[in-house]
N, C-alpha and C. Protein backbone atom coordinates (compact mmCIF):
# COMPACT_ATOMS: atom_id res chain seq x y z
N MET A 1 -27.26 97.77 -56.51
CA MET A 1 -26.77 96.38 -56.63
C MET A 1 -27.36 95.26 -55.52
N SER A 2 -27.40 94.46 -55.60
CA SER A 2 -27.96 93.37 -54.61
C SER A 2 -26.65 92.65 -53.99
N GLU A 3 -26.36 92.59 -53.00
CA GLU A 3 -25.39 91.85 -52.51
C GLU A 3 -25.53 90.31 -52.33
N THR A 4 -24.72 89.79 -52.92
CA THR A 4 -25.11 88.12 -52.84
C THR A 4 -24.73 87.60 -51.48
N LYS A 5 -25.74 86.60 -50.95
CA LYS A 5 -25.74 86.53 -49.60
C LYS A 5 -25.28 84.82 -49.67
N PHE A 6 -24.76 84.26 -48.41
CA PHE A 6 -24.05 82.78 -48.44
C PHE A 6 -24.55 82.33 -47.28
N HIS A 7 -24.70 80.96 -47.43
CA HIS A 7 -24.85 80.22 -45.90
C HIS A 7 -24.08 79.12 -46.10
N THR A 8 -23.88 78.34 -44.83
CA THR A 8 -22.94 77.15 -44.65
C THR A 8 -23.84 75.92 -44.14
N GLU A 9 -23.22 74.88 -44.97
CA GLU A 9 -23.73 73.74 -44.25
C GLU A 9 -22.69 72.65 -43.85
N GLU A 10 -22.61 71.93 -42.82
CA GLU A 10 -21.79 70.84 -42.60
C GLU A 10 -22.36 69.54 -42.56
N PHE A 11 -21.63 68.54 -43.18
CA PHE A 11 -21.67 66.86 -43.29
C PHE A 11 -20.67 66.47 -42.61
N SER A 12 -20.76 65.51 -41.50
CA SER A 12 -19.90 64.76 -41.17
C SER A 12 -19.73 63.30 -41.91
N VAL A 13 -18.62 63.03 -42.41
CA VAL A 13 -18.74 61.94 -43.32
C VAL A 13 -17.49 60.88 -42.56
N ASN A 14 -17.31 59.54 -43.02
CA ASN A 14 -16.37 59.08 -42.98
C ASN A 14 -15.25 58.97 -44.23
N GLY A 15 -13.89 58.52 -44.06
CA GLY A 15 -12.94 59.03 -45.42
C GLY A 15 -13.26 58.35 -46.51
N GLU A 16 -14.29 57.18 -46.53
CA GLU A 16 -14.49 56.62 -47.76
C GLU A 16 -15.62 57.31 -48.66
N GLU A 17 -16.62 58.09 -47.64
CA GLU A 17 -17.66 58.93 -48.49
C GLU A 17 -17.30 60.40 -48.92
N ILE A 18 -16.08 60.87 -48.49
CA ILE A 18 -15.90 62.29 -48.74
C ILE A 18 -15.77 62.66 -50.35
N LEU A 19 -15.24 61.78 -50.99
CA LEU A 19 -15.54 62.26 -52.57
C LEU A 19 -16.67 62.12 -53.10
N ALA A 20 -17.77 60.91 -52.68
CA ALA A 20 -18.98 60.90 -53.37
C ALA A 20 -19.74 62.13 -53.03
N LYS A 21 -19.38 62.48 -51.69
CA LYS A 21 -20.61 63.56 -51.01
C LYS A 21 -20.21 64.84 -51.51
N VAL A 22 -18.58 65.07 -52.13
CA VAL A 22 -18.46 66.49 -52.73
C VAL A 22 -18.85 66.66 -53.79
N LYS A 23 -19.05 65.42 -54.88
CA LYS A 23 -19.50 65.16 -56.06
C LYS A 23 -20.86 65.43 -55.94
N GLN A 24 -21.70 64.86 -54.99
CA GLN A 24 -23.03 64.99 -54.91
C GLN A 24 -23.44 66.66 -54.84
N LEU A 25 -22.74 66.70 -53.83
CA LEU A 25 -22.92 68.47 -53.48
C LEU A 25 -22.58 69.23 -54.67
N ILE A 26 -21.61 69.23 -55.56
CA ILE A 26 -21.42 70.02 -56.82
C ILE A 26 -22.63 69.81 -57.53
N ARG A 27 -22.83 68.77 -57.68
CA ARG A 27 -24.09 68.34 -58.69
C ARG A 27 -25.25 69.07 -58.45
N GLU A 28 -25.53 69.25 -56.91
CA GLU A 28 -26.56 70.20 -56.54
C GLU A 28 -26.60 71.46 -56.94
N GLY A 29 -25.66 71.86 -57.43
CA GLY A 29 -25.24 73.29 -57.62
C GLY A 29 -25.31 74.31 -56.51
N ASN A 30 -24.57 75.75 -57.11
CA ASN A 30 -24.70 76.66 -55.79
C ASN A 30 -23.68 76.76 -54.84
N ILE A 31 -22.57 75.72 -55.03
CA ILE A 31 -21.36 75.79 -54.15
C ILE A 31 -20.45 76.85 -54.58
N ARG A 32 -20.01 77.66 -53.30
CA ARG A 32 -19.39 78.71 -53.58
C ARG A 32 -17.84 78.01 -53.22
N ARG A 33 -17.72 77.37 -52.06
CA ARG A 33 -16.44 76.91 -51.32
C ARG A 33 -16.50 75.63 -50.58
N VAL A 34 -15.74 74.65 -50.81
CA VAL A 34 -15.74 73.64 -50.15
C VAL A 34 -14.51 73.43 -49.44
N ILE A 35 -14.66 72.82 -48.06
CA ILE A 35 -13.82 72.86 -46.89
C ILE A 35 -13.56 71.66 -46.22
N ILE A 36 -12.61 70.93 -46.13
CA ILE A 36 -12.73 69.48 -45.67
C ILE A 36 -11.77 69.99 -44.18
N LYS A 37 -12.58 69.38 -43.15
CA LYS A 37 -11.87 69.55 -42.00
C LYS A 37 -11.43 67.99 -41.24
N ASP A 38 -10.50 68.06 -40.62
CA ASP A 38 -10.13 66.43 -39.97
C ASP A 38 -10.99 66.68 -38.57
N LYS A 39 -11.13 65.35 -38.07
CA LYS A 39 -12.23 64.97 -36.70
C LYS A 39 -11.76 66.22 -35.84
N THR A 40 -10.64 66.79 -35.47
CA THR A 40 -10.40 67.74 -34.66
C THR A 40 -10.63 69.31 -35.00
N GLY A 41 -11.18 69.55 -36.34
CA GLY A 41 -11.65 70.84 -36.67
C GLY A 41 -10.47 71.58 -37.67
N ARG A 42 -9.63 70.80 -37.62
CA ARG A 42 -8.27 71.78 -38.60
C ARG A 42 -8.68 71.28 -40.19
N ILE A 43 -8.64 72.38 -40.53
CA ILE A 43 -9.03 72.67 -42.09
C ILE A 43 -7.79 72.30 -42.91
N LEU A 44 -8.04 71.17 -43.86
CA LEU A 44 -7.13 70.19 -44.23
C LEU A 44 -6.60 70.67 -45.69
N VAL A 45 -7.86 71.09 -46.37
CA VAL A 45 -8.19 71.63 -47.61
C VAL A 45 -9.44 72.51 -47.76
N GLU A 46 -8.99 73.61 -48.79
CA GLU A 46 -10.29 74.33 -49.05
C GLU A 46 -10.12 74.90 -50.55
N PHE A 47 -11.22 74.64 -51.19
CA PHE A 47 -11.35 75.09 -52.68
C PHE A 47 -12.34 75.81 -52.75
N PRO A 48 -12.02 76.81 -53.43
CA PRO A 48 -13.25 77.77 -54.04
C PRO A 48 -13.72 77.14 -55.37
N LEU A 49 -15.09 77.37 -55.61
CA LEU A 49 -15.50 76.83 -56.52
C LEU A 49 -16.22 77.99 -57.62
N THR A 50 -16.03 78.32 -58.75
CA THR A 50 -16.72 79.25 -59.47
C THR A 50 -17.90 79.07 -59.94
N VAL A 51 -19.12 79.60 -60.05
CA VAL A 51 -20.29 79.24 -60.73
C VAL A 51 -19.88 78.57 -62.29
N GLY A 52 -20.28 77.75 -62.29
CA GLY A 52 -20.34 77.22 -63.85
C GLY A 52 -19.22 76.20 -64.19
N VAL A 53 -18.09 75.97 -63.27
CA VAL A 53 -17.18 74.92 -63.28
C VAL A 53 -17.67 73.61 -63.34
N VAL A 54 -17.43 72.82 -64.52
CA VAL A 54 -17.59 71.48 -64.75
C VAL A 54 -16.85 70.91 -65.48
N GLY A 55 -16.99 69.47 -65.39
CA GLY A 55 -16.23 68.41 -66.16
C GLY A 55 -14.81 68.49 -65.97
N ALA A 56 -14.06 68.86 -66.96
CA ALA A 56 -12.30 68.64 -66.80
C ALA A 56 -11.72 69.66 -65.77
N ALA A 57 -12.55 70.82 -65.57
CA ALA A 57 -11.88 71.93 -64.96
C ALA A 57 -12.11 71.35 -63.28
N LEU A 58 -12.72 70.62 -63.04
CA LEU A 58 -12.93 69.90 -61.66
C LEU A 58 -12.19 68.91 -61.40
N ALA A 59 -11.51 68.13 -62.54
CA ALA A 59 -10.62 67.06 -62.06
C ALA A 59 -9.55 67.54 -60.92
N PRO A 60 -8.62 68.34 -61.10
CA PRO A 60 -7.68 68.39 -60.35
C PRO A 60 -7.96 68.95 -58.67
N VAL A 61 -9.49 69.29 -58.78
CA VAL A 61 -9.88 69.33 -57.43
C VAL A 61 -10.38 68.06 -56.56
N LEU A 62 -11.05 67.28 -57.80
CA LEU A 62 -11.48 66.23 -57.12
C LEU A 62 -10.52 64.99 -56.92
N VAL A 63 -8.93 64.99 -57.54
CA VAL A 63 -8.27 64.31 -57.51
C VAL A 63 -7.49 64.57 -56.13
N ALA A 64 -7.13 66.07 -55.82
CA ALA A 64 -6.80 66.56 -54.61
C ALA A 64 -7.89 66.25 -53.16
N ILE A 65 -9.17 66.01 -53.39
CA ILE A 65 -10.03 65.77 -52.57
C ILE A 65 -9.81 64.16 -52.22
N GLY A 66 -9.60 63.33 -53.42
CA GLY A 66 -9.37 61.99 -53.26
C GLY A 66 -8.14 61.75 -52.46
N ALA A 67 -7.28 62.35 -52.43
CA ALA A 67 -6.20 62.11 -51.87
C ALA A 67 -5.96 62.44 -50.31
N VAL A 68 -6.71 63.43 -50.04
CA VAL A 68 -7.08 63.90 -48.79
C VAL A 68 -7.99 62.70 -48.02
N ALA A 69 -9.14 62.26 -48.83
CA ALA A 69 -9.84 61.31 -48.12
C ALA A 69 -9.36 59.94 -47.89
N ALA A 70 -7.87 59.51 -48.56
CA ALA A 70 -7.36 58.32 -48.21
C ALA A 70 -6.67 58.29 -47.18
N LEU A 71 -6.56 59.58 -46.59
CA LEU A 71 -5.79 59.78 -45.12
C LEU A 71 -6.70 59.82 -44.04
N LEU A 72 -7.93 59.94 -44.24
CA LEU A 72 -8.99 60.47 -43.48
C LEU A 72 -9.74 59.27 -42.94
N SER A 73 -9.79 59.27 -41.70
CA SER A 73 -11.07 58.12 -41.51
C SER A 73 -12.25 58.89 -40.83
N GLU A 74 -12.37 60.13 -40.51
CA GLU A 74 -13.65 61.06 -40.32
C GLU A 74 -13.44 62.07 -40.71
N ALA A 75 -14.31 62.80 -41.30
CA ALA A 75 -13.77 64.47 -41.82
C ALA A 75 -15.13 64.95 -41.39
N THR A 76 -15.04 66.63 -41.56
CA THR A 76 -16.60 66.87 -41.87
C THR A 76 -16.02 67.97 -43.21
N ILE A 77 -17.43 67.92 -43.94
CA ILE A 77 -17.30 68.78 -44.99
C ILE A 77 -18.04 70.08 -44.85
N VAL A 78 -17.45 70.99 -44.99
CA VAL A 78 -18.16 72.64 -45.12
C VAL A 78 -18.30 73.08 -46.28
N VAL A 79 -19.65 73.31 -46.71
CA VAL A 79 -19.78 73.66 -48.03
C VAL A 79 -20.44 75.21 -47.68
N GLU A 80 -20.06 76.08 -48.52
CA GLU A 80 -20.58 77.69 -48.48
C GLU A 80 -21.15 77.60 -49.80
N LYS A 81 -22.62 78.07 -49.87
CA LYS A 81 -23.64 77.85 -50.85
C LYS A 81 -24.01 79.37 -50.95
N VAL A 82 -24.61 79.36 -52.31
CA VAL A 82 -25.14 80.96 -52.66
C VAL A 82 -26.63 80.89 -52.25
N ASP A 83 -26.99 81.76 -51.69
CA ASP A 83 -28.69 81.91 -51.21
C ASP A 83 -29.02 82.04 -52.63
N GLU A 84 -30.33 81.51 -52.86
CA GLU A 84 -30.99 82.04 -54.15
C GLU A 84 -32.37 82.86 -53.63
């Protein structure tokens, strides 16, 4: 059996860009987990994303991210991606 490998990427964004950036990252694919941190590095939300989750299944996650984004002026988005 082969072991699945992951790596993380971080993106600094302002509050208005959070939801758009998360949507873009999900469209790019291979996302396993999304973590949103405030400017002090404190984790505010963390969402696991299973492969193949699309459409209506993402709606609650995107609504929650939008609510968090409304409260932030700056944030860091950390994504855990599956290595190909």
